[in-house]
């Protein structure tokens, strides 16, 4: 008989369902401290299992299920028990009642306290039955993150492109190897990132996502980043809207003049371009008397695909940081467009660096001046000037500065960096 019993246990998967349940009940008999919650279909969970995936330790992720009352009478949940302190009901006040044939969204938070897999369950109690929700998640200490986590390009004219920066950061204590990057969705691509790419602990890398709409419609897509991080596939959602008709664009939407001595004027180069069709610019207004422009006579027309260069000016009236905006009006579909401006007035300039360079042999609209505190860069643009000289008055005593220049054509094409020069401020 013992042999028959053993054989029956080994082959219990072939028993009818009712006999299998009976066998489990017999195996559980005699263990008084073990209890089994019975789940009733009267209060159904859709779904009854929530998979939270990877969640960074100390962070919270919320998922929801729907509780459905399948009966013709109200059901009241009076108590909720949970098997793990890392799962919590979100925004729940007990008791709560679900009417006959009604439903209710039930949210659950997962906040891992340590790295590793966490399994748990919620038991919802009524007067006559219980319902179980099964929970699974994994805590991780750091992973590969994207900033921004998603990207919207808004409106972009058909036939033109718009690029936005995305920074990947390794928040783990070990290095991460990015093996593959791909873009999906009509008109979406990326540039400035070549795989394989290794990120040291805490390291970051910035590249560009690009939207080149093919038609006048709203589209969506994403960039996928594959790596050996705990989140092996990082997905960055993308969206954009292709538009037709004439559009006007500023070469840059913001300019910082740095420090300028009160009573003097500093100029920076700027530009306007047209796409989709020619654009007639009818005027420009400044909301601050300290900021203005030169090199433009209104109205004027920009041909499709062409760019017009001019200068923005900052003439501080007092010391301190000033903010302004110059707004351009036109017949373009996206009119008006505005350039945000900032600069700091100073009472005197104790130090300055004067730069000059040989003119380019090609036709040039203006020159860009770049500066870095480190030899070899990275460099930050500090000025755009029409001539071959520039004085940097925003330097600080005791610091080193490294400068390079570039030449910019009337179509906005920029040359490579010149040779680097070094200035040590006493």
Protein backbone atom coordinates (compact mmCIF):
# COMPACT_ATOMS: atom_id res chain seq x y z
CA UNK A 1 0.00 0.00 0.00
CA UNK A 2 2.88 2.36 0.76
CA UNK A 3 4.20 1.81 -2.75
CA UNK A 4 0.79 2.57 -4.24
CA UNK A 5 0.51 5.78 -2.23
CA UNK A 6 3.95 6.97 -3.42
CA UNK A 7 3.05 6.21 -7.00
CA UNK A 8 -0.19 8.14 -6.69
CA UNK A 9 1.63 11.23 -5.35
CA UNK A 10 4.15 11.17 -8.22
CA UNK A 11 1.43 10.96 -10.82
CA UNK A 12 -1.07 13.33 -9.18
CA UNK A 13 -0.91 15.66 -12.16
CA UNK A 14 -3.05 13.07 -14.01
CA UNK A 15 -5.78 13.08 -11.35
CA UNK A 16 -9.08 14.81 -12.02
CA UNK A 17 -9.14 18.38 -10.63
CA UNK A 18 -11.41 17.47 -7.70
CA UNK A 19 -9.12 14.62 -6.62
CA UNK A 20 -6.05 16.86 -6.93
CA UNK A 21 -7.61 19.42 -4.59
CA UNK A 22 -8.52 16.62 -2.17
CA UNK A 23 -4.94 15.36 -2.21
CA UNK A 24 -3.64 18.85 -1.38
CA UNK A 25 -6.10 19.11 1.49
CA UNK A 26 -4.92 15.77 2.89
CA UNK A 27 -1.26 16.85 2.62
CA UNK A 28 -2.10 20.09 4.49
CA UNK A 29 -4.02 18.36 7.28
CA UNK A 30 -2.40 18.23 10.70
CA UNK A 31 -0.60 21.60 10.33
CA UNK A 32 -2.80 23.84 12.42
CA UNK A 33 -0.61 26.97 12.09
CA UNK A 34 -0.75 26.93 8.28
CA UNK A 35 -3.70 28.76 6.70
CA UNK A 36 -4.72 29.04 3.07
CA UNK A 37 -6.66 32.04 1.76
CA UNK A 38 -9.38 31.06 -0.63
CA UNK A 39 -9.99 33.36 -3.59
CA UNK A 40 -13.57 33.92 -4.64
CA UNK A 41 -14.65 34.81 -8.16
CA UNK A 42 -17.34 37.00 -6.59
CA UNK A 43 -14.70 39.78 -6.35
CA UNK A 44 -12.47 39.27 -9.38
CA UNK A 45 -9.09 40.96 -9.93
CA UNK A 46 -8.15 41.91 -13.47
CA UNK A 47 -5.29 41.15 -13.44
CA UNK A 48 -4.77 39.12 -10.27
CA UNK A 49 -0.94 39.28 -10.61
CA UNK A 50 1.06 42.51 -10.81
CA UNK A 51 4.62 42.45 -12.20
CA UNK A 52 6.51 45.61 -11.18
CA UNK A 53 9.73 44.70 -12.97
CA UNK A 54 12.91 46.55 -11.98
CA UNK A 55 12.57 49.40 -9.48
CA UNK A 56 15.48 51.36 -8.02
CA UNK A 57 15.96 50.90 -4.27
CA UNK A 58 14.22 53.70 -2.40
CA UNK A 59 12.06 54.68 -5.38
CA UNK A 60 8.35 53.90 -5.75
CA UNK A 61 6.49 52.39 -8.67
CA UNK A 62 2.70 52.19 -8.78
CA UNK A 63 0.62 49.64 -10.67
CA UNK A 64 -3.11 49.06 -10.61
CA UNK A 65 -5.62 46.26 -10.95
CA UNK A 66 -9.39 46.42 -11.30
CA UNK A 67 -11.63 44.86 -8.66
CA UNK A 68 -14.84 43.63 -10.27
CA UNK A 69 -17.98 42.73 -8.29
CA UNK A 70 -19.53 39.91 -10.32
CA UNK A 71 -22.53 39.51 -8.02
CA UNK A 72 -25.91 41.18 -7.83
CA UNK A 73 -25.26 42.56 -4.34
CA UNK A 74 -22.78 45.08 -2.90
CA UNK A 75 -19.45 43.79 -1.60
CA UNK A 76 -17.57 45.49 1.26
CA UNK A 77 -13.82 44.98 1.78
CA UNK A 78 -13.17 45.46 5.48
CA UNK A 79 -9.56 44.39 5.85
CA UNK A 80 -6.37 44.04 3.77
CA UNK A 81 -3.38 41.98 4.84
CA UNK A 82 -0.02 41.96 3.05
CA UNK A 83 2.86 39.53 3.18
CA UNK A 84 5.63 42.08 2.48
CA UNK A 85 6.23 45.56 3.87
CA UNK A 86 7.63 46.65 0.49
CA UNK A 87 4.17 46.61 -1.11
CA UNK A 88 1.51 49.13 -0.02
CA UNK A 89 -2.06 49.89 -1.05
CA UNK A 90 -2.11 53.39 -2.54
CA UNK A 91 -4.85 55.82 -1.53
CA UNK A 92 -7.09 53.18 0.07
CA UNK A 93 -9.43 53.92 2.97
CA UNK A 94 -11.08 50.96 4.68
CA UNK A 95 -13.74 49.81 4.57
CA UNK A 96 -14.80 50.40 0.97
CA UNK A 97 -17.80 49.04 -0.93
CA UNK A 98 -18.19 48.03 -4.56
CA UNK A 99 -21.75 48.02 -5.85
CA UNK A 100 -23.39 45.14 -7.68
CA UNK A 101 -21.75 44.53 -11.08
CA UNK A 102 -19.50 47.56 -10.49
CA UNK A 103 -15.73 47.85 -10.49
CA UNK A 104 -13.02 49.87 -8.74
CA UNK A 105 -9.40 50.59 -9.64
CA UNK A 106 -7.06 49.38 -6.89
CA UNK A 107 -3.52 50.82 -6.87
CA UNK A 108 -0.49 49.24 -5.21
CA UNK A 109 2.94 50.82 -4.55
CA UNK A 110 6.22 48.92 -4.66
CA UNK A 111 9.17 50.53 -2.85
CA UNK A 112 12.09 48.08 -2.59
CA UNK A 113 14.24 48.38 0.53
CA UNK A 114 17.15 46.37 -0.87
CA UNK A 115 18.39 44.88 -4.12
CA UNK A 116 16.84 41.54 -5.05
CA UNK A 117 13.57 39.92 -5.99
CA UNK A 118 10.53 40.56 -3.81
CA UNK A 119 7.37 38.43 -3.90
CA UNK A 120 4.25 39.22 -1.95
CA UNK A 121 0.49 39.19 -1.94
CA UNK A 122 -2.47 41.20 -0.72
CA UNK A 123 -5.46 39.42 0.79
CA UNK A 124 -8.72 41.37 0.65
CA UNK A 125 -11.25 40.27 3.28
CA UNK A 126 -15.02 40.50 3.17
CA UNK A 127 -17.49 38.93 5.61
CA UNK A 128 -17.72 35.67 3.69
CA UNK A 129 -14.69 35.29 1.40
CA UNK A 130 -11.23 36.54 0.52
CA UNK A 131 -9.55 37.63 -2.71
CA UNK A 132 -5.80 37.43 -3.34
CA UNK A 133 -3.60 39.71 -5.46
CA UNK A 134 -0.11 38.34 -6.20
CA UNK A 135 2.81 40.80 -6.40
CA UNK A 136 6.32 40.48 -7.85
CA UNK A 137 9.11 43.04 -8.24
CA UNK A 138 12.88 43.36 -8.15
CA UNK A 139 14.87 46.04 -6.35
CA UNK A 140 18.05 47.27 -8.06
CA UNK A 141 20.74 49.63 -6.87
CA UNK A 142 21.26 51.96 -9.81
CA UNK A 143 20.77 51.38 -13.51
CA UNK A 144 21.01 53.12 -16.85
CA UNK A 145 18.89 56.29 -16.95
CA UNK A 146 17.94 58.76 -19.67
CA UNK A 147 17.38 62.49 -19.18
CA UNK A 148 14.86 63.39 -20.39
CA UNK A 149 13.04 60.10 -19.97
CA UNK A 150 10.82 61.01 -22.95
CA UNK A 151 11.11 63.65 -25.64
CA UNK A 152 8.59 65.75 -27.57
CA UNK A 153 9.76 67.69 -30.64
CA UNK A 154 6.47 69.63 -30.91
CA UNK A 155 5.95 71.07 -34.40
CA UNK A 156 8.64 70.71 -37.07
CA UNK A 157 8.18 71.74 -40.73
CA UNK A 158 8.24 68.94 -43.30
CA UNK A 159 11.63 68.87 -45.02
CA UNK A 160 13.54 70.26 -42.02
CA UNK A 161 15.07 68.62 -38.96
CA UNK A 162 15.15 69.31 -35.25
CA UNK A 163 17.64 67.79 -32.80
CA UNK A 164 17.34 67.52 -29.03
CA UNK A 165 19.90 66.28 -26.48
CA UNK A 166 19.50 63.10 -24.44
CA UNK A 167 21.93 62.22 -21.63
CA UNK A 168 22.52 58.62 -20.58
CA UNK A 169 23.78 58.19 -17.00
CA UNK A 170 25.10 55.09 -15.26
CA UNK A 171 23.89 55.35 -11.64
CA UNK A 172 25.40 52.01 -10.61
CA UNK A 173 28.62 51.33 -8.76
CA UNK A 174 30.04 49.31 -11.67
CA UNK A 175 30.63 50.09 -15.32
CA UNK A 176 27.96 49.62 -17.98
CA UNK A 177 28.53 48.61 -21.59
CA UNK A 178 26.03 49.90 -24.15
CA UNK A 179 25.98 47.41 -27.01
CA UNK A 180 23.30 48.73 -29.36
CA UNK A 181 21.15 51.81 -30.00
CA UNK A 182 18.28 52.00 -32.47
CA UNK A 183 15.51 54.46 -33.39
CA UNK A 184 12.02 53.52 -34.53
CA UNK A 185 9.14 55.60 -35.88
CA UNK A 186 8.88 57.51 -39.15
CA UNK A 187 11.27 60.45 -39.22
CA UNK A 188 13.14 59.66 -36.00
CA UNK A 189 16.88 59.02 -35.84
CA UNK A 190 19.87 59.78 -33.62
CA UNK A 191 23.42 60.99 -33.98
CA UNK A 192 26.54 61.41 -31.88
CA UNK A 193 26.58 57.93 -30.32
CA UNK A 194 28.62 54.98 -31.59
CA UNK A 195 28.40 51.55 -30.01
CA UNK A 196 29.85 49.79 -28.19
CA UNK A 197 30.08 52.50 -25.53
CA UNK A 198 31.29 52.04 -21.94
CA UNK A 199 30.10 54.23 -19.07
CA UNK A 200 32.09 54.25 -15.85
CA UNK A 201 30.24 54.29 -12.48
CA UNK A 202 28.39 57.60 -12.32
CA UNK A 203 29.43 58.42 -15.88
CA UNK A 204 27.24 60.17 -18.47
CA UNK A 205 27.12 60.50 -22.24
CA UNK A 206 25.06 62.97 -24.29
CA UNK A 207 23.85 62.39 -27.84
CA UNK A 208 21.16 63.85 -30.11
CA UNK A 209 17.73 62.55 -31.06
CA UNK A 210 16.61 63.89 -34.44
CA UNK A 211 13.13 64.38 -35.92
CA UNK A 212 12.81 64.87 -39.70
CA UNK A 213 9.08 64.67 -40.48
CA UNK A 214 8.08 63.11 -43.80
CA UNK A 215 4.49 64.34 -43.82
CA UNK A 216 2.11 66.72 -42.08
CA UNK A 217 0.99 64.47 -39.24
CA UNK A 218 1.62 63.60 -35.61
CA UNK A 219 3.98 60.66 -35.20
CA UNK A 220 5.50 58.74 -32.32
CA UNK A 221 8.45 56.42 -31.92
CA UNK A 222 11.24 55.61 -29.52
CA UNK A 223 14.96 55.11 -29.07
CA UNK A 224 16.05 51.76 -27.63
CA UNK A 225 19.34 51.44 -25.75
CA UNK A 226 20.60 47.89 -25.12
CA UNK A 227 23.19 47.33 -22.38
CA UNK A 228 24.30 44.98 -19.62
CA UNK A 229 22.64 47.19 -16.97
CA UNK A 230 19.92 45.71 -14.72
CA UNK A 231 17.44 47.32 -17.14
CA UNK A 232 18.91 45.77 -20.31
CA UNK A 233 16.53 47.62 -22.66
CA UNK A 234 16.09 51.34 -21.97
CA UNK A 235 13.24 52.78 -24.05
CA UNK A 236 12.98 56.55 -24.60
CA UNK A 237 9.58 57.53 -26.08
CA UNK A 238 9.63 60.15 -28.85
CA UNK A 239 6.85 62.24 -30.36
CA UNK A 240 6.59 65.02 -32.90
CA UNK A 241 4.27 66.77 -35.31
CA UNK A 242 5.14 67.41 -38.93
CA UNK A 243 3.69 70.65 -40.26
CA UNK A 244 3.42 72.21 -43.71
CA UNK A 245 3.63 75.83 -44.80
CA UNK A 246 6.17 78.52 -44.02
CA UNK A 247 8.10 78.36 -40.76
CA UNK A 248 10.66 80.68 -39.24
CA UNK A 249 13.46 79.54 -36.93
CA UNK A 250 16.04 81.29 -34.77
CA UNK A 251 19.60 80.04 -34.90
CA UNK A 252 19.43 79.77 -31.13
CA UNK A 253 16.53 80.51 -28.81
CA UNK A 254 18.67 82.06 -26.04
CA UNK A 255 21.80 84.20 -25.73
CA UNK A 256 23.91 85.03 -22.68
CA UNK A 257 26.04 88.17 -22.98
CA UNK A 258 28.01 87.43 -19.82
CA UNK A 259 29.44 90.41 -17.93
CA UNK A 260 29.32 93.82 -19.62
CA UNK A 261 30.53 97.09 -18.11
CA UNK A 262 27.72 99.57 -17.44
CA UNK A 263 27.74 102.26 -20.12
CA UNK A 264 29.21 100.01 -22.81
CA UNK A 265 27.57 97.76 -25.40
CA UNK A 266 28.23 94.15 -26.32
CA UNK A 267 26.94 92.43 -29.47
CA UNK A 268 26.33 88.76 -30.21
CA UNK A 269 25.52 87.20 -33.54
CA UNK A 270 22.07 85.74 -34.22
CA UNK A 271 20.15 84.52 -37.26
CA UNK A 272 16.69 83.76 -38.70
CA UNK A 273 15.93 81.09 -41.30
CA UNK A 274 12.88 80.04 -43.33
CA UNK A 275 11.60 76.59 -44.26
CA UNK A 276 8.59 75.26 -46.12
CA UNK A 277 8.14 78.53 -48.01
CA UNK A 278 9.54 82.07 -48.00
CA UNK A 279 8.82 84.14 -44.89
CA UNK A 280 8.28 87.89 -44.60
CA UNK A 281 9.41 89.29 -41.24
CA UNK A 282 7.37 92.37 -40.41
CA UNK A 283 8.93 93.56 -37.15
CA UNK A 284 10.65 92.90 -33.83
CA UNK A 285 10.00 94.16 -30.31
CA UNK A 286 12.12 94.09 -27.15
CA UNK A 287 10.65 93.98 -23.65
CA UNK A 288 13.75 95.61 -22.13
CA UNK A 289 15.51 98.87 -23.05
CA UNK A 290 18.86 97.20 -22.31
CA UNK A 291 18.49 94.71 -25.17
CA UNK A 292 18.21 95.55 -28.85
CA UNK A 293 19.28 94.43 -32.31
CA UNK A 294 21.07 95.78 -35.37
CA UNK A 295 21.60 94.74 -38.96
CA UNK A 296 17.92 94.36 -39.91
CA UNK A 297 15.52 96.65 -41.80
CA UNK A 298 11.84 95.74 -41.68
CA UNK A 299 10.02 94.31 -43.48
CA UNK A 300 12.29 91.80 -45.20
CA UNK A 301 11.80 88.39 -46.79
CA UNK A 302 13.78 85.21 -46.18
CA UNK A 303 13.75 82.73 -49.06
CA UNK A 304 13.06 79.07 -48.36
CA UNK A 305 16.14 77.37 -46.97
CA UNK A 306 18.02 80.64 -46.50
CA UNK A 307 19.31 82.35 -43.36
CA UNK A 308 19.66 86.02 -42.43
CA UNK A 309 22.28 87.07 -39.87
CA UNK A 310 22.14 90.08 -37.55
CA UNK A 311 23.35 91.18 -34.11
CA UNK A 312 21.73 91.26 -30.68
CA UNK A 313 22.97 94.05 -28.36
CA UNK A 314 23.21 94.40 -24.59
CA UNK A 315 23.79 97.85 -23.09
CA UNK A 316 23.41 97.57 -19.29
CA UNK A 317 22.14 100.65 -17.48
CA UNK A 318 23.03 99.39 -13.99
CA UNK A 319 24.96 96.62 -12.32
CA UNK A 320 23.27 93.25 -11.84
CA UNK A 321 21.76 90.54 -14.01
CA UNK A 322 19.26 91.62 -16.65
CA UNK A 323 16.76 89.48 -18.53
CA UNK A 324 14.98 90.31 -21.74
CA UNK A 325 13.30 88.96 -24.85
CA UNK A 326 13.16 90.08 -28.46
CA UNK A 327 10.11 88.82 -30.36
CA UNK A 328 9.91 88.59 -34.17
CA UNK A 329 6.58 88.72 -36.02
CA UNK A 330 6.08 87.37 -39.54
CA UNK A 331 3.65 85.59 -41.83
CA UNK A 332 5.04 82.19 -40.84
CA UNK A 333 2.74 79.55 -39.41
CA UNK A 334 4.69 79.50 -36.13
CA UNK A 335 4.90 83.29 -35.69
CA UNK A 336 5.87 84.89 -33.38
CA UNK A 337 9.27 83.51 -32.35
CA UNK A 338 11.36 84.94 -29.50
CA UNK A 339 14.98 85.03 -28.41
CA UNK A 340 15.56 84.94 -24.63
CA UNK A 341 18.40 87.22 -23.55
CA UNK A 342 20.40 87.59 -20.37
CA UNK A 343 23.47 89.53 -19.30
CA UNK A 344 25.13 91.00 -16.23
CA UNK A 345 26.04 94.65 -15.86
CA UNK A 346 29.21 95.39 -13.92
CA UNK A 347 30.61 98.68 -12.65
CA UNK A 348 34.12 97.90 -13.84
CA UNK A 349 36.12 95.20 -15.51
CA UNK A 350 39.32 94.40 -13.65
CA UNK A 351 40.41 91.73 -16.15
CA UNK A 352 39.80 91.12 -19.82
CA UNK A 353 41.16 88.88 -22.55
CA UNK A 354 41.54 90.40 -26.02
CA UNK A 355 41.43 87.97 -28.92
CA UNK A 356 42.08 88.46 -32.63
CA UNK A 357 42.42 86.08 -35.55
CA UNK A 358 43.06 85.98 -39.27
CA UNK A 359 39.95 86.27 -41.43
CA UNK A 360 38.65 83.19 -43.22
CA UNK A 361 39.39 82.86 -46.93
CA UNK A 362 35.73 81.93 -47.48
CA UNK A 363 32.64 84.13 -47.29
CA UNK A 364 31.73 84.53 -43.62
CA UNK A 365 28.57 85.87 -41.94
CA UNK A 366 30.12 85.96 -38.48
CA UNK A 367 32.59 84.23 -36.18
CA UNK A 368 31.84 82.22 -33.04
CA UNK A 369 34.16 82.41 -30.03
CA UNK A 370 34.34 79.40 -27.70
CA UNK A 371 35.92 79.13 -24.25
CA UNK A 372 36.83 76.32 -21.85
CA UNK A 373 38.45 76.04 -18.46
CA UNK A 374 40.23 72.88 -19.62
CA UNK A 375 42.71 72.48 -22.43
CA UNK A 376 41.07 70.65 -25.31
CA UNK A 377 37.52 71.45 -24.20
CA UNK A 378 34.69 70.88 -24.00
CA UNK A 379 34.11 74.44 -25.15
CA UNK A 380 31.17 76.78 -24.57
CA UNK A 381 30.25 79.53 -27.00
CA UNK A 382 30.71 82.95 -25.38
CA UNK A 383 30.24 85.28 -28.35
CA UNK A 384 29.29 85.64 -32.02
CA UNK A 385 30.96 88.64 -33.67
CA UNK A 386 31.02 90.04 -37.21
CA UNK A 387 34.73 90.90 -37.16
CA UNK A 388 38.02 89.21 -36.31
CA UNK A 389 38.46 90.43 -32.77
CA UNK A 390 36.72 90.01 -29.42
CA UNK A 391 37.31 91.08 -25.81
CA UNK A 392 36.17 88.72 -23.08
CA UNK A 393 35.37 90.73 -19.95
CA UNK A 394 33.72 87.89 -18.03
CA UNK A 395 36.98 86.28 -16.87
CA UNK A 396 37.93 85.82 -13.22
CA UNK A 397 41.23 86.41 -11.47
CA UNK A 398 43.48 83.41 -10.93
CA UNK A 399 41.85 81.20 -13.57
CA UNK A 400 42.98 79.76 -16.89
CA UNK A 401 40.94 80.01 -20.07
CA UNK A 402 41.32 78.26 -23.42
CA UNK A 403 39.82 79.78 -26.59
CA UNK A 404 39.04 78.61 -30.11
CA UNK A 405 37.08 80.30 -32.90
CA UNK A 406 34.99 79.12 -35.87
CA UNK A 407 33.72 80.79 -39.03
CA UNK A 408 29.99 80.64 -39.88
CA UNK A 409 28.66 81.05 -43.43
CA UNK A 410 25.46 82.85 -44.41
CA UNK A 411 23.70 79.46 -44.58
CA UNK A 412 24.68 78.65 -41.00
CA UNK A 413 27.46 76.18 -41.87
CA UNK A 414 30.18 76.29 -39.21
CA UNK A 415 33.88 75.54 -39.73
CA UNK A 416 36.02 73.35 -37.51
CA UNK A 417 37.79 74.85 -34.49
CA UNK A 418 40.81 77.06 -34.96
CA UNK A 419 44.01 76.45 -33.04
CA UNK A 420 43.61 76.83 -29.27
CA UNK A 421 45.05 79.81 -27.35
CA UNK A 422 45.57 79.98 -23.59
CA UNK A 423 45.05 82.93 -21.26
CA UNK A 424 46.05 82.88 -17.56
CA UNK A 425 44.33 85.61 -15.55
CA UNK A 426 46.58 87.05 -12.81
